[in-house]
N, C-alpha and C. Protein backbone atom coordinates (compact mmCIF):
# COMPACT_ATOMS: atom_id res chain seq x y z
N MET A 1 84.79 102.24 113.33
CA MET A 1 86.16 101.78 113.50
C MET A 1 86.95 102.06 112.22
N LEU A 2 88.16 102.55 112.37
CA LEU A 2 88.98 102.93 111.23
C LEU A 2 89.19 101.77 110.25
N LYS A 3 89.41 100.56 110.76
CA LYS A 3 89.68 99.43 109.88
C LYS A 3 88.41 98.90 109.21
N ASP A 4 87.26 99.42 109.59
CA ASP A 4 86.01 98.95 109.03
C ASP A 4 85.61 99.82 107.84
N ASN A 5 86.35 99.69 106.74
CA ASN A 5 86.01 100.42 105.52
C ASN A 5 86.22 99.50 104.33
N ILE A 6 85.70 99.91 103.20
CA ILE A 6 85.72 99.05 102.03
C ILE A 6 87.15 98.68 101.60
N PHE A 7 88.09 99.59 101.74
CA PHE A 7 89.46 99.28 101.31
C PHE A 7 90.10 98.25 102.22
N GLN A 8 89.86 98.35 103.51
CA GLN A 8 90.40 97.34 104.42
C GLN A 8 89.77 95.98 104.12
N LYS A 9 88.51 95.97 103.76
CA LYS A 9 87.84 94.72 103.42
C LYS A 9 88.42 94.12 102.14
N ILE A 10 88.86 94.95 101.21
CA ILE A 10 89.55 94.46 100.01
C ILE A 10 90.91 93.88 100.40
N ILE A 11 91.66 94.58 101.24
CA ILE A 11 92.95 94.06 101.72
C ILE A 11 92.75 92.71 102.39
N ASP A 12 91.72 92.60 103.21
CA ASP A 12 91.44 91.36 103.96
C ASP A 12 90.74 90.30 103.12
N ARG A 13 90.48 90.60 101.84
CA ARG A 13 89.83 89.68 100.91
C ARG A 13 88.39 89.35 101.30
N GLN A 14 87.75 90.26 101.99
CA GLN A 14 86.34 90.09 102.32
C GLN A 14 85.46 90.59 101.17
N ILE A 15 86.01 91.45 100.33
CA ILE A 15 85.33 91.99 99.16
C ILE A 15 86.26 91.77 97.96
N PRO A 16 85.72 91.26 96.84
CA PRO A 16 86.58 91.05 95.67
C PRO A 16 86.94 92.37 95.00
N ALA A 17 88.09 92.37 94.35
CA ALA A 17 88.54 93.53 93.58
C ALA A 17 89.43 93.03 92.45
N LYS A 18 89.53 93.82 91.41
CA LYS A 18 90.41 93.49 90.29
C LYS A 18 91.81 94.03 90.63
N ILE A 19 92.57 93.21 91.36
CA ILE A 19 93.88 93.62 91.86
C ILE A 19 94.90 93.57 90.73
N CYS A 20 95.68 94.65 90.61
CA CYS A 20 96.71 94.71 89.57
C CYS A 20 98.11 94.80 90.15
N TYR A 21 98.23 94.97 91.45
CA TYR A 21 99.55 94.98 92.10
C TYR A 21 99.35 94.70 93.58
N GLU A 22 100.35 94.00 94.14
CA GLU A 22 100.29 93.71 95.57
C GLU A 22 101.69 93.41 96.06
N ASP A 23 102.03 93.95 97.21
CA ASP A 23 103.27 93.59 97.90
C ASP A 23 103.02 93.70 99.40
N ASP A 24 104.07 93.64 100.19
CA ASP A 24 103.89 93.64 101.64
C ASP A 24 103.48 95.00 102.21
N LEU A 25 103.60 96.08 101.41
CA LEU A 25 103.27 97.42 101.89
C LEU A 25 101.97 97.98 101.33
N CYS A 26 101.57 97.50 100.16
CA CYS A 26 100.40 98.11 99.53
C CYS A 26 99.68 97.16 98.59
N LEU A 27 98.56 97.66 98.10
CA LEU A 27 97.71 96.92 97.18
C LEU A 27 97.18 97.94 96.17
N ALA A 28 97.04 97.52 94.92
CA ALA A 28 96.46 98.39 93.90
C ALA A 28 95.38 97.61 93.15
N PHE A 29 94.30 98.30 92.84
CA PHE A 29 93.19 97.64 92.15
C PHE A 29 92.44 98.66 91.31
N HIS A 30 91.72 98.15 90.32
CA HIS A 30 90.95 99.01 89.42
C HIS A 30 89.72 99.54 90.15
N ASP A 31 89.49 100.85 90.01
CA ASP A 31 88.35 101.51 90.64
C ASP A 31 87.06 101.10 89.94
N ILE A 32 86.06 100.68 90.70
CA ILE A 32 84.79 100.28 90.08
C ILE A 32 83.96 101.50 89.66
N ASN A 33 84.35 102.68 90.11
CA ASN A 33 83.69 103.92 89.72
C ASN A 33 84.69 104.79 88.95
N ALA A 34 85.25 104.21 87.90
CA ALA A 34 86.35 104.84 87.16
C ALA A 34 85.97 106.21 86.60
N GLN A 35 86.88 107.16 86.76
CA GLN A 35 86.71 108.51 86.24
C GLN A 35 87.58 108.77 85.02
N ALA A 36 88.25 107.71 84.54
CA ALA A 36 89.11 107.79 83.37
C ALA A 36 89.19 106.37 82.80
N PRO A 37 89.60 106.23 81.54
CA PRO A 37 89.72 104.89 80.97
C PRO A 37 90.60 103.95 81.83
N THR A 38 91.64 104.49 82.41
CA THR A 38 92.45 103.76 83.39
C THR A 38 92.32 104.49 84.71
N HIS A 39 91.85 103.78 85.73
CA HIS A 39 91.69 104.39 87.06
C HIS A 39 91.96 103.30 88.09
N VAL A 40 93.13 103.40 88.70
CA VAL A 40 93.59 102.42 89.68
C VAL A 40 93.75 103.12 91.02
N LEU A 41 93.36 102.45 92.08
CA LEU A 41 93.56 102.94 93.44
C LEU A 41 94.74 102.22 94.06
N ILE A 42 95.63 102.97 94.66
CA ILE A 42 96.81 102.42 95.34
C ILE A 42 96.64 102.72 96.82
N ILE A 43 96.59 101.67 97.63
CA ILE A 43 96.32 101.85 99.05
C ILE A 43 97.40 101.18 99.90
N PRO A 44 97.81 101.81 100.98
CA PRO A 44 98.76 101.15 101.88
C PRO A 44 98.04 100.10 102.72
N ARG A 45 98.76 99.07 103.09
CA ARG A 45 98.21 98.08 104.01
C ARG A 45 98.11 98.68 105.42
N LYS A 46 99.03 99.60 105.73
CA LYS A 46 98.99 100.28 107.02
C LYS A 46 97.73 101.12 107.11
N VAL A 47 97.09 101.08 108.24
CA VAL A 47 95.88 101.87 108.43
C VAL A 47 96.25 103.33 108.68
N ILE A 48 95.95 104.16 107.69
CA ILE A 48 96.12 105.61 107.78
C ILE A 48 94.82 106.20 107.26
N SER A 49 94.11 106.91 108.09
CA SER A 49 92.78 107.38 107.74
C SER A 49 92.78 108.36 106.57
N THR A 50 93.69 109.32 106.60
CA THR A 50 93.69 110.37 105.58
C THR A 50 95.08 110.97 105.44
N HIS A 51 95.29 111.72 104.39
CA HIS A 51 96.59 112.33 104.12
C HIS A 51 97.06 113.19 105.29
N ALA A 52 96.14 113.86 105.95
CA ALA A 52 96.48 114.74 107.07
C ALA A 52 97.02 113.98 108.28
N ASP A 53 96.85 112.68 108.30
CA ASP A 53 97.33 111.86 109.42
C ASP A 53 98.73 111.29 109.20
N LEU A 54 99.35 111.61 108.08
CA LEU A 54 100.70 111.11 107.82
C LEU A 54 101.69 111.68 108.83
N THR A 55 102.69 110.88 109.15
CA THR A 55 103.74 111.31 110.08
C THR A 55 105.10 111.07 109.43
N GLU A 56 106.12 111.53 110.10
CA GLU A 56 107.49 111.33 109.63
C GLU A 56 107.79 109.85 109.42
N GLN A 57 107.17 108.99 110.20
CA GLN A 57 107.39 107.54 110.08
C GLN A 57 106.83 106.97 108.78
N ASP A 58 106.01 107.73 108.08
CA ASP A 58 105.40 107.27 106.84
C ASP A 58 106.17 107.69 105.59
N ARG A 59 107.31 108.34 105.79
CA ARG A 59 108.10 108.85 104.66
C ARG A 59 108.43 107.76 103.64
N ALA A 60 108.97 106.64 104.09
CA ALA A 60 109.35 105.57 103.17
C ALA A 60 108.12 104.96 102.49
N LEU A 61 107.05 104.81 103.23
CA LEU A 61 105.83 104.26 102.66
C LEU A 61 105.31 105.14 101.53
N LEU A 62 105.30 106.45 101.74
CA LEU A 62 104.84 107.36 100.69
C LEU A 62 105.70 107.27 99.45
N GLY A 63 107.00 107.20 99.64
CA GLY A 63 107.90 107.02 98.49
C GLY A 63 107.59 105.73 97.76
N HIS A 64 107.34 104.68 98.51
CA HIS A 64 107.01 103.38 97.92
C HIS A 64 105.72 103.48 97.10
N LEU A 65 104.69 104.13 97.64
CA LEU A 65 103.43 104.26 96.93
C LEU A 65 103.63 105.00 95.61
N HIS A 66 104.47 106.02 95.60
CA HIS A 66 104.74 106.75 94.37
C HIS A 66 105.49 105.88 93.36
N LEU A 67 106.44 105.09 93.84
CA LEU A 67 107.17 104.21 92.92
C LEU A 67 106.26 103.12 92.36
N VAL A 68 105.33 102.65 93.14
CA VAL A 68 104.34 101.69 92.64
C VAL A 68 103.49 102.37 91.56
N ALA A 69 103.13 103.62 91.75
CA ALA A 69 102.37 104.35 90.74
C ALA A 69 103.15 104.44 89.42
N VAL A 70 104.43 104.70 89.50
CA VAL A 70 105.27 104.76 88.29
C VAL A 70 105.29 103.40 87.60
N LYS A 71 105.49 102.35 88.36
CA LYS A 71 105.52 100.99 87.82
C LYS A 71 104.20 100.65 87.13
N LEU A 72 103.09 100.95 87.79
CA LEU A 72 101.78 100.66 87.22
C LEU A 72 101.51 101.51 85.98
N ALA A 73 101.90 102.76 86.00
CA ALA A 73 101.71 103.63 84.83
C ALA A 73 102.41 103.03 83.61
N LYS A 74 103.60 102.50 83.80
CA LYS A 74 104.32 101.85 82.69
C LYS A 74 103.59 100.59 82.25
N GLU A 75 103.20 99.76 83.21
CA GLU A 75 102.52 98.50 82.88
C GLU A 75 101.17 98.74 82.21
N LEU A 76 100.50 99.82 82.56
CA LEU A 76 99.17 100.12 82.02
C LEU A 76 99.24 101.02 80.78
N ASN A 77 100.45 101.19 80.25
CA ASN A 77 100.67 101.95 79.01
C ASN A 77 100.19 103.39 79.09
N LEU A 78 100.47 104.03 80.19
CA LEU A 78 100.12 105.44 80.34
C LEU A 78 101.31 106.32 79.97
N ASP A 79 101.98 105.96 78.87
CA ASP A 79 103.20 106.63 78.44
C ASP A 79 102.99 108.09 78.05
N ASP A 80 101.76 108.46 77.70
CA ASP A 80 101.51 109.83 77.27
C ASP A 80 101.05 110.73 78.41
N GLY A 81 101.06 110.19 79.64
CA GLY A 81 100.74 111.01 80.80
C GLY A 81 99.66 110.41 81.67
N TYR A 82 99.66 110.84 82.90
CA TYR A 82 98.68 110.36 83.88
C TYR A 82 98.58 111.38 85.00
N ARG A 83 97.58 111.17 85.83
CA ARG A 83 97.38 112.05 86.98
C ARG A 83 97.31 111.18 88.23
N ILE A 84 97.92 111.68 89.32
CA ILE A 84 97.82 111.05 90.63
C ILE A 84 97.08 112.04 91.53
N VAL A 85 96.02 111.55 92.17
CA VAL A 85 95.20 112.40 93.03
C VAL A 85 95.12 111.78 94.41
N VAL A 86 95.25 112.62 95.43
CA VAL A 86 95.02 112.20 96.81
C VAL A 86 94.01 113.18 97.39
N ASN A 87 92.83 112.69 97.71
CA ASN A 87 91.81 113.51 98.34
C ASN A 87 91.97 113.43 99.85
N CYS A 88 91.73 114.54 100.54
CA CYS A 88 91.91 114.59 101.98
C CYS A 88 90.67 115.17 102.66
N LEU A 89 90.03 114.33 103.45
CA LEU A 89 88.85 114.70 104.23
C LEU A 89 87.65 115.05 103.34
N ASP A 90 86.53 115.33 103.97
CA ASP A 90 85.27 115.52 103.25
C ASP A 90 85.33 116.63 102.20
N ARG A 91 85.80 117.79 102.58
CA ARG A 91 85.83 118.92 101.63
C ARG A 91 86.84 118.71 100.52
N GLY A 92 87.78 117.81 100.73
CA GLY A 92 88.74 117.47 99.69
C GLY A 92 88.26 116.35 98.79
N GLY A 93 87.07 115.83 99.07
CA GLY A 93 86.49 114.81 98.22
C GLY A 93 86.77 113.38 98.64
N GLN A 94 87.35 113.18 99.82
CA GLN A 94 87.65 111.83 100.28
C GLN A 94 86.37 111.15 100.74
N THR A 95 86.09 109.96 100.20
CA THR A 95 84.87 109.25 100.55
C THR A 95 85.12 107.97 101.34
N VAL A 96 86.36 107.48 101.33
CA VAL A 96 86.72 106.28 102.10
C VAL A 96 87.81 106.68 103.09
N PRO A 97 87.63 106.41 104.38
CA PRO A 97 88.62 106.83 105.39
C PRO A 97 89.84 105.90 105.45
N HIS A 98 90.53 105.81 104.33
CA HIS A 98 91.76 105.03 104.21
C HIS A 98 92.59 105.73 103.14
N LEU A 99 93.79 106.17 103.48
CA LEU A 99 94.64 106.87 102.52
C LEU A 99 94.70 106.09 101.21
N HIS A 100 94.55 106.79 100.09
CA HIS A 100 94.67 106.13 98.80
C HIS A 100 95.05 107.14 97.72
N PHE A 101 95.78 106.63 96.74
CA PHE A 101 96.15 107.40 95.55
C PHE A 101 95.26 106.95 94.41
N HIS A 102 94.76 107.89 93.64
CA HIS A 102 94.08 107.60 92.39
C HIS A 102 95.11 107.76 91.28
N LEU A 103 95.38 106.72 90.53
CA LEU A 103 96.23 106.77 89.34
C LEU A 103 95.28 106.72 88.15
N MET A 104 95.22 107.82 87.40
CA MET A 104 94.27 107.92 86.29
C MET A 104 94.97 108.31 85.00
N GLY A 105 94.53 107.73 83.91
CA GLY A 105 95.09 108.05 82.60
C GLY A 105 94.20 107.56 81.49
N GLY A 106 94.69 107.74 80.27
CA GLY A 106 93.93 107.28 79.12
C GLY A 106 93.04 108.35 78.51
N ARG A 107 93.10 109.56 79.04
CA ARG A 107 92.35 110.69 78.48
C ARG A 107 93.08 111.97 78.88
N ASP A 108 92.69 113.08 78.25
CA ASP A 108 93.25 114.38 78.62
C ASP A 108 92.64 114.85 79.93
N PHE A 109 93.48 115.48 80.74
CA PHE A 109 93.03 116.09 81.98
C PHE A 109 93.24 117.59 81.87
N HIS A 110 92.39 118.34 82.53
CA HIS A 110 92.46 119.80 82.43
C HIS A 110 92.68 120.42 83.79
N TRP A 111 92.99 121.71 83.80
CA TRP A 111 93.22 122.44 85.03
C TRP A 111 92.38 123.70 85.03
N PRO A 112 91.72 124.06 86.09
CA PRO A 112 91.72 123.39 87.39
C PRO A 112 90.87 122.11 87.34
N PRO A 113 91.22 121.15 88.21
CA PRO A 113 90.57 119.84 88.15
C PRO A 113 89.16 119.81 88.72
N GLY A 114 88.82 120.65 89.70
CA GLY A 114 87.55 120.51 90.37
C GLY A 114 86.49 121.42 89.86
């Protein structure tokens, strides 16, 4: 079932998380498998399995998620730069079937990333 994933369980408070932001549209929390000194996951409350499932109706939600990322980057002192990553499906590296943004900072990032 789509709603039966670790992120939905965090939203439903069935699993604890170090939450750093929350509103009626989304939730953000520190990643327990951090890939950078600062690594926060931003997830919508709306059930969207993956980036490829977005529709025109999700336009405002996506904008909101990006603005939350900007707010968190400021609050987390990522003034010297940060990276936002969205993995899509298995080959794109997505491991949880719930749309999420990785906000990462606190170290240098290089290109290509993978």
